[in-house]
Amino acid sequence: MNTSDVINPDQTVWPSPAKLNLFLYITGQRDDGYHELQTLFQFLDYGDELTIQINTSGEITISPEIDGVPLHDNLIWKAARKLQRDTQTSLGADIHLHKVLPMGGGIGGGSSNAATALVALNHLWQCGLSQHQLSEIGLQLGADVPVFVEGHAAYAEGVGEKLTLVTPQEKWYLVVRPDVSISTATIFSHPKLTRNTLKRDLATLLQAPYENDCEKIVRKLYPEVDKQLSWLLQYAPSRLTGTGSCIFAEFSNKNEAQHVLSRLPDGVSAFVAKGCNISPLKETLTGYTHRCEDNNC
């Protein structure tokens, strides 16, 4: 289904794309426990979808239910309620999530869902908040939410909230998801995690080989990740994204990525996607905005 398709006059479909951390370095730890990072975000043309129908009841519903995630802990619901309260809108929304991104995969599923809810509902409810204001709300929900709201590939510092727009090469990726869910807190609290990587300027980082400081710990703790990464490295430069569990191999074209995908052992979950410097969500918002302007809505 094309993400810009309209299901009916009252329903719209919004992409919630995956992301990759093309590199991730941990340069320190703050007194509040949060880690200082240097990381490079790029989106993928692959992800979840939110189908949204606004209502006048003020209620926010999410379907289907996610096992183990109560409604009030769902980031989509949290984002919608936060926007609703901050703008004092009387409108509500019925939101259906088509979920394909794994939880605990390090490719931004929950953060992307929250950002899509903020961007879509700001448009549908006609709240009028700026992108910066939406990013500030998003940061309260998670450190990765603002980059999805901004919708452009970015170099991030701080805890991930200080963004500089960049345009890395848009390669093709084979993303493999070992059968394990990894908690970010588990990795960031590990005593042997590297926390003192030397800070470098952006130009130096973009020219250096890309690495992930979390990879060594994840491979040690999760043999499934270690096994799949070792396999991928036979074919192409490969590494962990975020704190995992997803790993990715990079290719110059789709055919090469598809060829390695076809060689994966049976039962391994994986997909091929293209890196995008402009988020599919941002492109969809532009399309809906232009359509609305043309219809004087």
Protein backbone atom coordinates (compact mmCIF):
# COMPACT_ATOMS: atom_id res chain seq x y z
CA MET A 1 0.00 0.00 0.00
CA ASN A 2 1.31 3.43 -0.89
CA THR A 3 1.67 5.53 2.24
CA SER A 4 0.06 8.51 0.54
CA ASP A 5 -3.11 6.60 -0.34
CA VAL A 6 -6.29 7.76 1.32
CA ILE A 7 -8.39 4.84 2.62
CA ASN A 8 -11.54 6.95 2.74
CA PRO A 9 -12.16 10.68 3.12
CA ASP A 10 -11.71 10.42 6.90
CA GLN A 11 -8.66 8.11 7.06
CA THR A 12 -5.07 8.82 6.17
CA VAL A 13 -2.04 6.55 6.16
CA TRP A 14 1.31 7.70 7.54
CA PRO A 15 4.69 5.93 7.32
CA SER A 16 6.71 5.26 10.43
CA PRO A 17 10.13 4.46 8.97
CA ALA A 18 13.02 2.53 10.44
CA LYS A 19 16.39 4.16 11.05
CA LEU A 20 19.97 3.00 11.20
CA ASN A 21 22.79 4.33 13.33
CA LEU A 22 25.49 4.33 10.67
CA PHE A 23 27.98 4.93 13.46
CA LEU A 24 27.62 5.22 17.23
CA TYR A 25 30.29 6.37 19.67
CA ILE A 26 29.92 6.84 23.42
CA THR A 27 32.13 9.70 24.54
CA GLY A 28 31.15 10.04 28.19
CA GLN A 29 28.53 9.64 30.88
CA ARG A 30 26.77 12.54 32.60
CA ASP A 31 26.05 12.89 36.30
CA ASP A 32 22.39 12.05 35.64
CA GLY A 33 23.41 8.69 34.17
CA TYR A 34 22.72 9.54 30.53
CA HIS A 35 25.46 8.90 28.01
CA GLU A 36 27.06 11.44 25.70
CA LEU A 37 26.96 10.22 22.10
CA GLN A 38 28.15 10.92 18.61
CA THR A 39 25.94 9.12 16.11
CA LEU A 40 24.77 9.31 12.51
CA PHE A 41 21.10 8.64 11.77
CA GLN A 42 19.74 7.67 8.37
CA PHE A 43 16.19 6.54 7.55
CA LEU A 44 15.10 3.50 5.58
CA ASP A 45 12.31 3.24 3.00
CA TYR A 46 10.79 0.51 5.15
CA GLY A 47 8.77 0.62 8.35
CA ASP A 48 5.45 0.58 10.15
CA GLU A 49 2.32 2.44 9.08
CA LEU A 50 -0.27 4.37 11.11
CA THR A 51 -3.79 4.67 9.74
CA ILE A 52 -5.49 7.57 11.50
CA GLN A 53 -9.09 8.72 11.64
CA ILE A 54 -9.81 11.79 13.71
CA ASN A 55 -12.89 11.91 15.92
CA THR A 56 -14.80 14.56 17.84
CA SER A 57 -15.12 12.56 21.05
CA GLY A 58 -11.64 13.46 22.28
CA GLU A 59 -10.84 9.77 22.79
CA ILE A 60 -7.58 8.27 21.57
CA THR A 61 -7.72 4.60 20.63
CA ILE A 62 -4.86 2.39 19.46
CA SER A 63 -5.37 -0.90 17.65
CA PRO A 64 -4.39 -3.64 17.77
CA GLU A 65 -3.20 -4.08 21.32
CA ILE A 66 0.51 -4.85 21.68
CA ASP A 67 1.21 -7.80 23.94
CA GLY A 68 2.91 -6.69 27.13
CA VAL A 69 2.43 -2.98 26.43
CA PRO A 70 -0.51 -1.38 28.31
CA LEU A 71 -2.24 1.44 26.42
CA HIS A 72 -0.89 4.16 28.70
CA ASP A 73 2.67 2.87 28.11
CA ASN A 74 2.26 2.89 24.33
CA LEU A 75 4.42 5.67 22.85
CA ILE A 76 1.81 6.42 20.19
CA TRP A 77 -0.80 7.03 22.87
CA LYS A 78 1.65 9.05 24.97
CA ALA A 79 2.53 11.23 21.98
CA ALA A 80 -1.10 11.81 21.05
CA ARG A 81 -2.14 12.64 24.61
CA LYS A 82 0.81 14.98 25.09
CA LEU A 83 -0.02 16.87 21.89
CA GLN A 84 -3.69 16.91 22.80
CA ARG A 85 -3.02 18.41 26.22
CA ASP A 86 -0.39 20.90 25.08
CA THR A 87 -2.62 22.30 22.33
CA GLN A 88 -5.90 21.90 24.25
CA THR A 89 -7.61 20.42 21.23
CA SER A 90 -10.99 18.80 21.78
CA LEU A 91 -10.41 16.33 18.94
CA GLY A 92 -9.40 12.72 19.33
CA ALA A 93 -8.14 9.99 17.02
CA ASP A 94 -8.57 6.31 16.22
CA ILE A 95 -5.15 4.97 15.28
CA HIS A 96 -4.39 1.59 13.74
CA LEU A 97 -0.77 0.44 13.76
CA HIS A 98 0.47 -1.91 11.06
CA LYS A 99 3.59 -3.23 12.80
CA VAL A 100 6.51 -4.72 10.89
CA LEU A 101 9.49 -3.28 12.81
CA PRO A 102 10.67 -5.50 15.67
CA MET A 103 10.64 -4.30 19.26
CA GLY A 104 14.10 -4.18 20.81
CA GLY A 105 15.73 -4.18 17.39
CA GLY A 106 17.57 -0.86 17.56
CA ILE A 107 15.94 0.46 14.39
CA GLY A 108 13.70 2.98 16.08
CA GLY A 109 10.26 1.35 15.97
CA GLY A 110 8.76 2.93 19.10
CA SER A 111 10.42 6.31 18.63
CA SER A 112 9.38 6.42 14.98
CA ASN A 113 5.78 5.54 15.91
CA ALA A 114 5.69 8.39 18.44
CA ALA A 115 7.11 10.87 15.93
CA THR A 116 4.63 9.83 13.25
CA ALA A 117 1.76 10.31 15.70
CA LEU A 118 3.01 13.81 16.58
CA VAL A 119 3.56 14.91 12.98
CA ALA A 120 0.34 13.40 11.65
CA LEU A 121 -1.93 14.62 14.43
CA ASN A 122 -0.42 18.10 14.39
CA HIS A 123 -1.50 18.23 10.74
CA LEU A 124 -4.87 16.50 11.10
CA TRP A 125 -5.90 18.39 14.23
CA GLN A 126 -4.57 21.62 12.71
CA CYS A 127 -2.64 22.36 15.91
CA GLY A 128 -0.21 24.65 14.13
CA LEU A 129 2.89 23.66 16.11
CA SER A 130 6.24 24.16 14.43
CA GLN A 131 8.62 21.33 13.71
CA HIS A 132 10.83 22.60 16.54
CA GLN A 133 7.92 22.57 18.98
CA LEU A 134 7.03 19.02 17.95
CA SER A 135 10.66 17.97 18.45
CA GLU A 136 10.63 19.41 21.97
CA ILE A 137 7.55 17.34 22.78
CA GLY A 138 9.21 14.32 21.18
CA LEU A 139 12.34 14.67 23.29
CA GLN A 140 10.20 14.21 26.39
CA LEU A 141 9.12 10.84 24.99
CA GLY A 142 12.55 9.57 23.93
CA ALA A 143 15.97 10.75 22.80
CA ASP A 144 15.50 9.39 19.26
CA VAL A 145 12.06 10.90 18.64
CA PRO A 146 13.26 14.37 17.49
CA VAL A 147 15.26 13.04 14.54
CA PHE A 148 12.13 11.29 13.24
CA VAL A 149 10.12 14.50 13.70
CA GLU A 150 12.76 16.54 11.86
CA GLY A 151 12.71 14.01 9.02
CA HIS A 152 16.25 14.48 7.72
CA ALA A 153 19.36 12.35 8.11
CA ALA A 154 21.34 13.84 10.95
CA TYR A 155 24.50 13.73 12.99
CA ALA A 156 23.57 13.76 16.67
CA GLU A 157 25.46 14.73 19.81
CA GLY A 158 24.52 15.10 23.47
CA VAL A 159 22.12 12.29 24.36
CA GLY A 160 21.03 12.34 20.73
CA GLU A 161 19.06 15.59 20.79
CA LYS A 162 21.64 17.99 19.25
CA LEU A 163 21.08 17.47 15.55
CA THR A 164 23.07 18.59 12.53
CA LEU A 165 21.56 17.80 9.13
CA VAL A 166 23.84 15.74 6.90
CA THR A 167 23.59 13.92 3.58
CA PRO A 168 25.43 10.59 3.78
CA GLN A 169 25.46 8.33 0.76
CA GLU A 170 22.10 6.58 0.31
CA LYS A 171 23.24 2.98 0.14
CA TRP A 172 21.25 -0.25 0.05
CA TYR A 173 21.13 -2.27 3.26
CA LEU A 174 20.39 -5.82 4.24
CA VAL A 175 19.01 -5.63 7.77
CA VAL A 176 19.03 -8.85 9.77
CA ARG A 177 17.11 -9.29 13.01
CA PRO A 178 18.46 -12.13 15.21
CA ASP A 179 15.75 -13.77 17.28
CA VAL A 180 16.39 -11.76 20.42
CA SER A 181 15.10 -8.49 21.90
CA ILE A 182 17.70 -6.26 23.52
CA SER A 183 16.96 -3.65 26.15
CA THR A 184 18.81 -0.38 25.65
CA ALA A 185 19.07 -0.05 29.42
CA THR A 186 20.81 -3.42 29.64
CA ILE A 187 23.55 -2.34 27.25
CA PHE A 188 24.01 1.20 28.56
CA SER A 189 24.27 -0.04 32.14
CA HIS A 190 26.86 -2.72 31.39
CA PRO A 191 30.06 -2.04 33.38
CA LYS A 192 32.33 -2.95 30.46
CA LEU A 193 30.64 -0.72 27.88
CA THR A 194 33.08 1.71 26.25
CA ARG A 195 32.30 5.19 27.57
CA ASN A 196 35.43 7.16 26.74
CA THR A 197 35.75 7.19 22.96
CA LEU A 198 37.59 10.33 21.90
CA LYS A 199 35.34 13.06 20.54
CA ARG A 200 36.04 13.95 16.93
CA ASP A 201 34.71 16.66 14.66
CA LEU A 202 32.03 15.75 12.12
CA ALA A 203 34.31 15.93 9.09
CA THR A 204 36.72 13.46 10.68
CA LEU A 205 33.91 11.11 11.70
CA LEU A 206 32.42 11.04 8.19
CA GLN A 207 35.79 10.12 6.66
CA ALA A 208 36.72 7.45 9.24
CA PRO A 209 35.53 3.82 9.12
CA TYR A 210 32.11 3.63 10.79
CA GLU A 211 31.85 1.64 14.04
CA ASN A 212 29.47 1.09 16.96
CA ASP A 213 30.75 1.16 20.55
CA CYS A 214 27.87 -1.05 21.70
CA GLU A 215 28.72 -3.87 19.32
CA LYS A 216 31.41 -5.57 21.42
CA ILE A 217 29.16 -5.89 24.48
CA VAL A 218 26.14 -7.00 22.46
CA ARG A 219 28.11 -9.70 20.66
CA LYS A 220 29.42 -10.96 23.99
CA LEU A 221 26.01 -11.04 25.69
CA TYR A 222 23.96 -12.32 22.74
CA PRO A 223 25.49 -15.23 20.77
CA GLU A 224 22.69 -14.97 18.19
CA VAL A 225 23.87 -11.49 17.22
CA ASP A 226 27.50 -12.56 17.15
CA LYS A 227 26.69 -15.50 14.88
CA GLN A 228 24.67 -13.50 12.36
CA LEU A 229 27.15 -10.62 12.28
CA SER A 230 30.05 -12.98 11.66
CA TRP A 231 28.08 -14.47 8.76
CA LEU A 232 27.27 -11.06 7.23
CA LEU A 233 30.85 -9.87 7.45
CA GLN A 234 31.79 -12.50 4.88
CA TYR A 235 29.89 -10.53 2.26
CA ALA A 236 29.99 -6.81 3.07
CA PRO A 237 30.87 -4.19 5.69
CA SER A 238 28.42 -4.95 8.51
CA ARG A 239 27.72 -3.76 12.04
CA LEU A 240 25.18 -3.28 14.81
CA THR A 241 22.63 -0.48 14.75
CA GLY A 242 21.88 1.30 18.02
CA THR A 243 22.07 -1.14 20.91
CA GLY A 244 20.74 -3.92 18.65
CA SER A 245 19.56 -6.49 18.09
CA CYS A 246 19.39 -5.64 14.39
CA ILE A 247 22.57 -5.71 12.35
CA PHE A 248 23.06 -4.47 8.82
CA ALA A 249 25.30 -4.94 5.81
CA GLU A 250 25.81 -2.15 3.29
CA PHE A 251 25.82 -2.46 -0.49
CA SER A 252 26.12 -0.16 -3.48
CA ASN A 253 23.02 -1.57 -5.21
CA LYS A 254 19.84 -3.49 -4.52
CA ASN A 255 20.81 -6.60 -6.47
CA GLU A 256 23.88 -7.21 -4.30
CA ALA A 257 21.78 -6.88 -1.14
CA GLN A 258 19.09 -9.20 -2.52
CA HIS A 259 21.73 -11.76 -3.48
CA VAL A 260 23.05 -12.00 0.08
CA LEU A 261 19.49 -12.04 1.42
CA SER A 262 18.82 -15.13 -0.71
CA ARG A 263 21.80 -16.86 0.92
CA LEU A 264 20.64 -16.31 4.49
CA PRO A 265 19.89 -19.49 6.45
CA ASP A 266 16.24 -20.52 6.71
CA GLY A 267 14.35 -18.96 9.59
CA VAL A 268 16.42 -15.78 9.77
CA SER A 269 14.33 -12.61 9.74
CA ALA A 270 15.69 -9.97 7.35
CA PHE A 271 14.75 -7.33 4.79
CA VAL A 272 16.39 -5.16 2.13
CA ALA A 273 15.84 -1.40 2.19
CA LYS A 274 17.36 1.78 0.78
CA GLY A 275 18.83 4.49 2.96
CA CYS A 276 16.90 7.77 2.77
CA ASN A 277 18.19 11.18 3.78
CA ILE A 278 14.65 12.58 3.57
CA SER A 279 12.25 10.58 5.73
CA PRO A 280 9.22 8.96 4.08
CA LEU A 281 7.21 10.64 6.85
CA LYS A 282 8.43 14.09 5.82
CA GLU A 283 7.60 13.36 2.18
CA THR A 284 4.12 12.17 3.13
CA LEU A 285 3.46 15.29 5.23
CA THR A 286 4.49 17.45 2.28
CA GLY A 287 2.08 15.56 0.05
CA TYR A 288 -0.85 15.92 2.43
CA THR A 289 -0.06 19.60 3.03
CA HIS A 290 -0.04 20.36 -0.70
CA ARG A 291 -3.26 18.40 -1.19
CA CYS A 292 -4.88 20.33 1.63
CA GLU A 293 -3.74 23.65 0.16
CA ASP A 294 -5.10 22.70 -3.26
CA ASN A 295 -8.48 21.89 -1.66
CA ASN A 296 -8.45 25.03 0.51
CA CYS A 297 -8.86 22.94 3.66
